[in-house]
Amino acid sequence: MPSVVIRNLPEETHRALKQLALSHGRSTEAEIRAILEEKVRPQERVKIGSALAAFGKRFKGIDLHVVRDPAAPEPAVFE
């Protein structure tokens, strides 16, 4: 898993992060991960499936019958 080093973090910011982590019952590292995750992947983001479903509803939908091939997919070959 990738890691990130944050240099020159002000002492006040570090103290605030430690306090916030303590109030949430997790480590400072876990708190930073949670903050970053929420900022770059917010829960309220529109996911592609939801966007496509809304698009279909807006145009009264279409009658689409999709049958998936049960066979395992072949891996791509890049040569």
PDB file of N, CA and C in Angstrom:
ATOM      1  N   MET A   1       0.845  -1.168   0.000  1.00  0.00           N
ATOM      2  CA  MET A   1       0.000   0.000   0.000  1.00  0.00           C
ATOM      3  C   MET A   1       0.895   1.237   0.000  1.00  0.00           C
ATOM      4  N   PRO A   2       0.554   2.259  -0.788  1.00  0.00           N
ATOM      5  CA  PRO A   2       1.369   3.464  -0.840  1.00  0.00           C
ATOM      6  C   PRO A   2       1.369   4.206   0.498  1.00  0.00           C
ATOM      7  N   SER A   3       2.408   4.983   0.714  1.00  0.00           N
ATOM      8  CA  SER A   3       2.466   5.825   1.906  1.00  0.00           C
ATOM      9  C   SER A   3       2.834   7.235   1.481  1.00  0.00           C
ATOM     10  N   VAL A   4       2.513   8.192   2.342  1.00  0.00           N
ATOM     11  CA  VAL A   4       2.760   9.602   2.065  1.00  0.00           C
ATOM     12  C   VAL A   4       3.465  10.205   3.268  1.00  0.00           C
ATOM     13  N   VAL A   5       4.456  11.023   3.017  1.00  0.00           N
ATOM     14  CA  VAL A   5       5.139  11.759   4.072  1.00  0.00           C
ATOM     15  C   VAL A   5       4.744  13.223   3.918  1.00  0.00           C
ATOM     16  N   ILE A   6       4.325  13.840   5.012  1.00  0.00           N
ATOM     17  CA  ILE A   6       3.954  15.255   4.986  1.00  0.00           C
ATOM     18  C   ILE A   6       5.016  16.027   5.750  1.00  0.00           C
ATOM     19  N   ARG A   7       5.751  16.832   5.041  1.00  0.00           N
ATOM     20  CA  ARG A   7       6.820  17.616   5.662  1.00  0.00           C
ATOM     21  C   ARG A   7       6.310  18.999   6.046  1.00  0.00           C
ATOM     22  N   ASN A   8       6.968  19.582   7.015  1.00  0.00           N
ATOM     23  CA  ASN A   8       6.700  20.964   7.438  1.00  0.00           C
ATOM     24  C   ASN A   8       5.268  21.191   7.897  1.00  0.00           C
ATOM     25  N   LEU A   9       4.684  20.188   8.537  1.00  0.00           N
ATOM     26  CA  LEU A   9       3.342  20.326   9.096  1.00  0.00           C
ATOM     27  C   LEU A   9       3.449  21.186  10.351  1.00  0.00           C
ATOM     28  N   PRO A  10       2.699  22.261  10.427  1.00  0.00           N
ATOM     29  CA  PRO A  10       2.787  23.113  11.617  1.00  0.00           C
ATOM     30  C   PRO A  10       2.429  22.329  12.886  1.00  0.00           C
ATOM     31  N   GLU A  11       3.116  22.644  13.956  1.00  0.00           N
ATOM     32  CA  GLU A  11       2.891  21.962  15.241  1.00  0.00           C
ATOM     33  C   GLU A  11       1.437  22.088  15.689  1.00  0.00           C
ATOM     34  N   GLU A  12       0.834  23.254  15.466  1.00  0.00           N
ATOM     35  CA  GLU A  12      -0.568  23.457  15.861  1.00  0.00           C
ATOM     36  C   GLU A  12      -1.491  22.512  15.108  1.00  0.00           C
ATOM     37  N   THR A  13      -1.206  22.306  13.822  1.00  0.00           N
ATOM     38  CA  THR A  13      -2.013  21.397  13.005  1.00  0.00           C
ATOM     39  C   THR A  13      -1.861  19.967  13.494  1.00  0.00           C
ATOM     40  N   HIS A  14      -0.652  19.582  13.829  1.00  0.00           N
ATOM     41  CA  HIS A  14      -0.406  18.231  14.331  1.00  0.00           C
ATOM     42  C   HIS A  14      -1.137  18.017  15.654  1.00  0.00           C
ATOM     43  N   ARG A  15      -1.063  19.000  16.543  1.00  0.00           N
ATOM     44  CA  ARG A  15      -1.786  18.894  17.824  1.00  0.00           C
ATOM     45  C   ARG A  15      -3.288  18.778  17.599  1.00  0.00           C
ATOM     46  N   ALA A  16      -3.818  19.571  16.670  1.00  0.00           N
ATOM     47  CA  ALA A  16      -5.253  19.539  16.375  1.00  0.00           C
ATOM     48  C   ALA A  16      -5.652  18.178  15.808  1.00  0.00           C
ATOM     49  N   LEU A  17      -4.823  17.622  14.939  1.00  0.00           N
ATOM     50  CA  LEU A  17      -5.096  16.289  14.389  1.00  0.00           C
ATOM     51  C   LEU A  17      -5.109  15.231  15.487  1.00  0.00           C
ATOM     52  N   LYS A  18      -4.146  15.321  16.424  1.00  0.00           N
ATOM     53  CA  LYS A  18      -4.089  14.360  17.523  1.00  0.00           C
ATOM     54  C   LYS A  18      -5.336  14.459  18.397  1.00  0.00           C
ATOM     55  N   GLN A  19      -5.788  15.675  18.666  1.00  0.00           N
ATOM     56  CA  GLN A  19      -6.995  15.870  19.476  1.00  0.00           C
ATOM     57  C   GLN A  19      -8.235  15.345  18.757  1.00  0.00           C
ATOM     58  N   LEU A  20      -8.315  15.621  17.466  1.00  0.00           N
ATOM     59  CA  LEU A  20      -9.446  15.142  16.674  1.00  0.00           C
ATOM     60  C   LEU A  20      -9.469  13.619  16.647  1.00  0.00           C
ATOM     61  N   ALA A  21      -8.311  13.017  16.472  1.00  0.00           N
ATOM     62  CA  ALA A  21      -8.206  11.558  16.462  1.00  0.00           C
ATOM     63  C   ALA A  21      -8.640  10.990  17.801  1.00  0.00           C
ATOM     64  N   LEU A  22      -8.200  11.604  18.879  1.00  0.00           N
ATOM     65  CA  LEU A  22      -8.572  11.155  20.219  1.00  0.00           C
ATOM     66  C   LEU A  22     -10.084  11.228  20.411  1.00  0.00           C
ATOM     67  N   SER A  23     -10.694  12.299  19.929  1.00  0.00           N
ATOM     68  CA  SER A  23     -12.149  12.453  20.085  1.00  0.00           C
ATOM     69  C   SER A  23     -12.923  11.413  19.268  1.00  0.00           C
ATOM     70  N   HIS A  24     -12.314  10.893  18.194  1.00  0.00           N
ATOM     71  CA  HIS A  24     -12.956   9.859  17.379  1.00  0.00           C
ATOM     72  C   HIS A  24     -12.508   8.457  17.759  1.00  0.00           C
ATOM     73  N   GLY A  25     -11.617   8.346  18.745  1.00  0.00           N
ATOM     74  CA  GLY A  25     -11.171   7.045  19.223  1.00  0.00           C
ATOM     75  C   GLY A  25     -10.285   6.299  18.242  1.00  0.00           C
ATOM     76  N   ARG A  26      -9.451   7.026  17.530  1.00  0.00           N
ATOM     77  CA  ARG A  26      -8.537   6.364  16.594  1.00  0.00           C
ATOM     78  C   ARG A  26      -7.173   7.032  16.642  1.00  0.00           C
ATOM     79  N   SER A  27      -6.211   6.413  15.996  1.00  0.00           N
ATOM     80  CA  SER A  27      -4.863   6.962  15.964  1.00  0.00           C
ATOM     81  C   SER A  27      -4.822   8.190  15.062  1.00  0.00           C
ATOM     82  N   THR A  28      -3.760   8.976  15.225  1.00  0.00           N
ATOM     83  CA  THR A  28      -3.593  10.154  14.374  1.00  0.00           C
ATOM     84  C   THR A  28      -3.492   9.740  12.909  1.00  0.00           C
ATOM     85  N   GLU A  29      -2.765   8.670  12.653  1.00  0.00           N
ATOM     86  CA  GLU A  29      -2.634   8.173  11.280  1.00  0.00           C
ATOM     87  C   GLU A  29      -3.987   7.768  10.708  1.00  0.00           C
ATOM     88  N   ALA A  30      -4.798   7.063  11.495  1.00  0.00           N
ATOM     89  CA  ALA A  30      -6.131   6.654  11.036  1.00  0.00           C
ATOM     90  C   ALA A  30      -7.024   7.869  10.809  1.00  0.00           C
ATOM     91  N   GLU A  31      -6.873   8.887  11.645  1.00  0.00           N
ATOM     92  CA  GLU A  31      -7.654  10.116  11.484  1.00  0.00           C
ATOM     93  C   GLU A  31      -7.291  10.818  10.180  1.00  0.00           C
ATOM     94  N   ILE A  32      -6.001  10.896   9.885  1.00  0.00           N
ATOM     95  CA  ILE A  32      -5.552  11.525   8.641  1.00  0.00           C
ATOM     96  C   ILE A  32      -6.080  10.752   7.437  1.00  0.00           C
ATOM     97  N   ARG A  33      -6.036   9.415   7.518  1.00  0.00           N
ATOM     98  CA  ARG A  33      -6.591   8.600   6.417  1.00  0.00           C
ATOM     99  C   ARG A  33      -8.073   8.888   6.227  1.00  0.00           C
ATOM    100  N   ALA A  34      -8.824   8.969   7.328  1.00  0.00           N
ATOM    101  CA  ALA A  34     -10.265   9.224   7.246  1.00  0.00           C
ATOM    102  C   ALA A  34     -10.547  10.591   6.623  1.00  0.00           C
ATOM    103  N   ILE A  35      -9.774  11.601   7.023  1.00  0.00           N
ATOM    104  CA  ILE A  35      -9.953  12.947   6.468  1.00  0.00           C
ATOM    105  C   ILE A  35      -9.666  12.954   4.969  1.00  0.00           C
ATOM    106  N   LEU A  36      -8.557  12.351   4.580  1.00  0.00           N
ATOM    107  CA  LEU A  36      -8.205  12.312   3.156  1.00  0.00           C
ATOM    108  C   LEU A  36      -9.245  11.550   2.349  1.00  0.00           C
ATOM    109  N   GLU A  37      -9.682  10.406   2.870  1.00  0.00           N
ATOM    110  CA  GLU A  37     -10.682   9.588   2.169  1.00  0.00           C
ATOM    111  C   GLU A  37     -11.976  10.368   1.951  1.00  0.00           C
ATOM    112  N   GLU A  38     -12.422  11.077   2.986  1.00  0.00           N
ATOM    113  CA  GLU A  38     -13.665  11.849   2.877  1.00  0.00           C
ATOM    114  C   GLU A  38     -13.528  12.992   1.878  1.00  0.00           C
ATOM    115  N   LYS A  39     -12.357  13.595   1.826  1.00  0.00           N
ATOM    116  CA  LYS A  39     -12.171  14.728   0.913  1.00  0.00           C
ATOM    117  C   LYS A  39     -12.042  14.302  -0.541  1.00  0.00           C
ATOM    118  N   VAL A  40     -11.378  13.202  -0.804  1.00  0.00           N
ATOM    119  CA  VAL A  40     -11.182  12.807  -2.200  1.00  0.00           C
ATOM    120  C   VAL A  40     -12.248  11.834  -2.696  1.00  0.00           C
ATOM    121  N   ARG A  41     -12.949  11.162  -1.788  1.00  0.00           N
ATOM    122  CA  ARG A  41     -14.014  10.230  -2.172  1.00  0.00           C
ATOM    123  C   ARG A  41     -15.218  10.409  -1.261  1.00  0.00           C
ATOM    124  N   PRO A  42     -15.898  11.572  -1.346  1.00  0.00           N
ATOM    125  CA  PRO A  42     -17.020  11.845  -0.445  1.00  0.00           C
ATOM    126  C   PRO A  42     -18.188  10.885  -0.665  1.00  0.00           C
ATOM    127  N   GLN A  43     -18.922  10.609   0.405  1.00  0.00           N
ATOM    128  CA  GLN A  43     -20.064   9.699   0.336  1.00  0.00           C
ATOM    129  C   GLN A  43     -21.152  10.219  -0.607  1.00  0.00           C
ATOM    130  N   GLU A  44     -21.308  11.543  -0.674  1.00  0.00           N
ATOM    131  CA  GLU A  44     -22.395  12.100  -1.477  1.00  0.00           C
ATOM    132  C   GLU A  44     -22.059  12.224  -2.959  1.00  0.00           C
ATOM    133  N   ARG A  45     -20.912  11.705  -3.372  1.00  0.00           N
ATOM    134  CA  ARG A  45     -20.558  11.783  -4.792  1.00  0.00           C
ATOM    135  C   ARG A  45     -21.540  10.944  -5.623  1.00  0.00           C
ATOM    136  N   VAL A  46     -21.746  11.360  -6.840  1.00  0.00           N
ATOM    137  CA  VAL A  46     -22.633  10.622  -7.740  1.00  0.00           C
ATOM    138  C   VAL A  46     -21.813   9.507  -8.386  1.00  0.00           C
ATOM    139  N   LYS A  47     -22.290   8.307  -8.230  1.00  0.00           N
ATOM    140  CA  LYS A  47     -21.595   7.171  -8.825  1.00  0.00           C
ATOM    141  C   LYS A  47     -22.149   6.932 -10.222  1.00  0.00           C
ATOM    142  N   ILE A  48     -21.375   6.318 -11.079  1.00  0.00           N
ATOM    143  CA  ILE A  48     -21.745   6.166 -12.488  1.00  0.00           C
ATOM    144  C   ILE A  48     -23.059   5.404 -12.664  1.00  0.00           C
ATOM    145  N   GLY A  49     -23.286   4.375 -11.870  1.00  0.00           N
ATOM    146  CA  GLY A  49     -24.532   3.614 -11.974  1.00  0.00           C
ATOM    147  C   GLY A  49     -25.742   4.472 -11.650  1.00  0.00           C
ATOM    148  N   SER A  50     -25.619   5.281 -10.606  1.00  0.00           N
ATOM    149  CA  SER A  50     -26.713   6.181 -10.223  1.00  0.00           C
ATOM    150  C   SER A  50     -26.962   7.226 -11.303  1.00  0.00           C
ATOM    151  N   ALA A  51     -25.883   7.750 -11.871  1.00  0.00           N
ATOM    152  CA  ALA A  51     -26.028   8.755 -12.923  1.00  0.00           C
ATOM    153  C   ALA A  51     -26.703   8.155 -14.153  1.00  0.00           C
ATOM    154  N   LEU A  52     -26.330   6.944 -14.519  1.00  0.00           N
ATOM    155  CA  LEU A  52     -26.955   6.296 -15.674  1.00  0.00           C
ATOM    156  C   LEU A  52     -28.416   5.965 -15.413  1.00  0.00           C
ATOM    157  N   ALA A  53     -28.735   5.526 -14.204  1.00  0.00           N
ATOM    158  CA  ALA A  53     -30.137   5.232 -13.866  1.00  0.00           C
ATOM    159  C   ALA A  53     -30.978   6.500 -13.931  1.00  0.00           C
ATOM    160  N   ALA A  54     -30.449   7.620 -13.417  1.00  0.00           N
ATOM    161  CA  ALA A  54     -31.172   8.892 -13.476  1.00  0.00           C
ATOM    162  C   ALA A  54     -31.375   9.337 -14.915  1.00  0.00           C
ATOM    163  N   PHE A  55     -30.360   9.133 -15.743  1.00  0.00           N
ATOM    164  CA  PHE A  55     -30.466   9.478 -17.161  1.00  0.00           C
ATOM    165  C   PHE A  55     -31.579   8.668 -17.823  1.00  0.00           C
ATOM    166  N   GLY A  56     -31.621   7.361 -17.541  1.00  0.00           N
ATOM    167  CA  GLY A  56     -32.660   6.509 -18.109  1.00  0.00           C
ATOM    168  C   GLY A  56     -34.052   6.923 -17.667  1.00  0.00           C
ATOM    169  N   LYS A  57     -34.209   7.263 -16.399  1.00  0.00           N
ATOM    170  CA  LYS A  57     -35.515   7.704 -15.884  1.00  0.00           C
ATOM    171  C   LYS A  57     -35.957   8.996 -16.555  1.00  0.00           C
ATOM    172  N   ARG A  58     -34.998   9.886 -16.786  1.00  0.00           N
ATOM    173  CA  ARG A  58     -35.323  11.170 -17.397  1.00  0.00           C
ATOM    174  C   ARG A  58     -35.907  10.988 -18.790  1.00  0.00           C
ATOM    175  N   PHE A  59     -35.462   9.964 -19.511  1.00  0.00           N
ATOM    176  CA  PHE A  59     -35.950   9.711 -20.871  1.00  0.00           C
ATOM    177  C   PHE A  59     -36.901   8.524 -20.927  1.00  0.00           C
ATOM    178  N   LYS A  60     -37.519   8.235 -19.804  1.00  0.00           N
ATOM    179  CA  LYS A  60     -38.530   7.172 -19.684  1.00  0.00           C
ATOM    180  C   LYS A  60     -37.961   5.781 -19.913  1.00  0.00           C
ATOM    181  N   GLY A  61     -36.665   5.643 -19.805  1.00  0.00           N
ATOM    182  CA  GLY A  61     -36.023   4.335 -19.850  1.00  0.00           C
ATOM    183  C   GLY A  61     -36.056   3.677 -21.219  1.00  0.00           C
ATOM    184  N   ILE A  62     -35.390   2.546 -21.291  1.00  0.00           N
ATOM    185  CA  ILE A  62     -35.397   1.730 -22.488  1.00  0.00           C
ATOM    186  C   ILE A  62     -35.537   0.281 -22.056  1.00  0.00           C
ATOM    187  N   ASP A  63     -35.980  -0.538 -22.954  1.00  0.00           N
ATOM    188  CA  ASP A  63     -36.134  -1.955 -22.664  1.00  0.00           C
ATOM    189  C   ASP A  63     -34.844  -2.653 -23.095  1.00  0.00           C
ATOM    190  N   LEU A  64     -33.997  -2.953 -22.139  1.00  0.00           N
ATOM    191  CA  LEU A  64     -32.701  -3.518 -22.428  1.00  0.00           C
ATOM    192  C   LEU A  64     -32.539  -4.825 -21.661  1.00  0.00           C
ATOM    193  N   HIS A  65     -32.321  -5.878 -22.388  1.00  0.00           N
ATOM    194  CA  HIS A  65     -32.119  -7.181 -21.768  1.00  0.00           C
ATOM    195  C   HIS A  65     -30.663  -7.582 -21.991  1.00  0.00           C
ATOM    196  N   VAL A  66     -29.907  -7.623 -20.916  1.00  0.00           N
ATOM    197  CA  VAL A  66     -28.492  -7.948 -20.993  1.00  0.00           C
ATOM    198  C   VAL A  66     -28.284  -9.339 -20.416  1.00  0.00           C
ATOM    199  N   VAL A  67     -27.636 -10.186 -21.197  1.00  0.00           N
ATOM    200  CA  VAL A  67     -27.301 -11.526 -20.732  1.00  0.00           C
ATOM    201  C   VAL A  67     -25.783 -11.592 -20.628  1.00  0.00           C
ATOM    202  N   ARG A  68     -25.320 -11.868 -19.428  1.00  0.00           N
ATOM    203  CA  ARG A  68     -23.878 -11.942 -19.229  1.00  0.00           C
ATOM    204  C   ARG A  68     -23.349 -13.306 -19.609  1.00  0.00           C
ATOM    205  N   ASP A  69     -22.174 -13.298 -20.193  1.00  0.00           N
ATOM    206  CA  ASP A  69     -21.495 -14.541 -20.539  1.00  0.00           C
ATOM    207  C   ASP A  69     -20.915 -15.117 -19.251  1.00  0.00           C
ATOM    208  N   PRO A  70     -21.304 -16.334 -18.850  1.00  0.00           N
ATOM    209  CA  PRO A  70     -20.825 -16.877 -17.591  1.00  0.00           C
ATOM    210  C   PRO A  70     -19.364 -17.339 -17.638  1.00  0.00           C
ATOM    211  N   ALA A  71     -18.779 -17.419 -18.820  1.00  0.00           N
ATOM    212  CA  ALA A  71     -17.392 -17.879 -18.949  1.00  0.00           C
ATOM    213  C   ALA A  71     -16.434 -16.845 -18.359  1.00  0.00           C
ATOM    214  N   ALA A  72     -15.338 -17.325 -17.832  1.00  0.00           N
ATOM    215  CA  ALA A  72     -14.320 -16.434 -17.287  1.00  0.00           C
ATOM    216  C   ALA A  72     -13.713 -15.610 -18.413  1.00  0.00           C
ATOM    217  N   PRO A  73     -13.464 -14.328 -18.189  1.00  0.00           N
ATOM    218  CA  PRO A  73     -12.864 -13.511 -19.241  1.00  0.00           C
ATOM    219  C   PRO A  73     -11.415 -13.899 -19.495  1.00  0.00           C
ATOM    220  N   GLU A  74     -10.979 -13.711 -20.709  1.00  0.00           N
ATOM    221  CA  GLU A  74      -9.595 -13.964 -21.068  1.00  0.00           C
ATOM    222  C   GLU A  74      -8.764 -12.728 -20.695  1.00  0.00           C
ATOM    223  N   PRO A  75      -7.587 -12.923 -20.168  1.00  0.00           N
ATOM    224  CA  PRO A  75      -6.754 -11.759 -19.814  1.00  0.00           C
ATOM    225  C   PRO A  75      -6.268 -11.040 -21.076  1.00  0.00           C
ATOM    226  N   ALA A  76      -6.086  -9.743 -20.955  1.00  0.00           N
ATOM    227  CA  ALA A  76      -5.590  -8.964 -22.078  1.00  0.00           C
ATOM    228  C   ALA A  76      -4.116  -9.280 -22.303  1.00  0.00           C
ATOM    229  N   VAL A  77      -3.702  -9.243 -23.554  1.00  0.00           N
ATOM    230  CA  VAL A  77      -2.307  -9.496 -23.910  1.00  0.00           C
ATOM    231  C   VAL A  77      -1.769  -8.227 -24.537  1.00  0.00           C
ATOM    232  N   PHE A  78      -0.709  -7.681 -23.950  1.00  0.00           N
ATOM    233  CA  PHE A  78      -0.092  -6.460 -24.440  1.00  0.00           C
ATOM    234  C   PHE A  78       1.330  -6.785 -24.896  1.00  0.00           C
ATOM    235  N   GLU A  79       1.474  -7.114 -26.154  1.00  0.00           N
ATOM    236  CA  GLU A  79       2.803  -7.447 -26.666  1.00  0.00           C
ATOM    237  C   GLU A  79       3.142  -6.586 -27.854  1.00  0.00           C
TER     238      GLU A  79
END
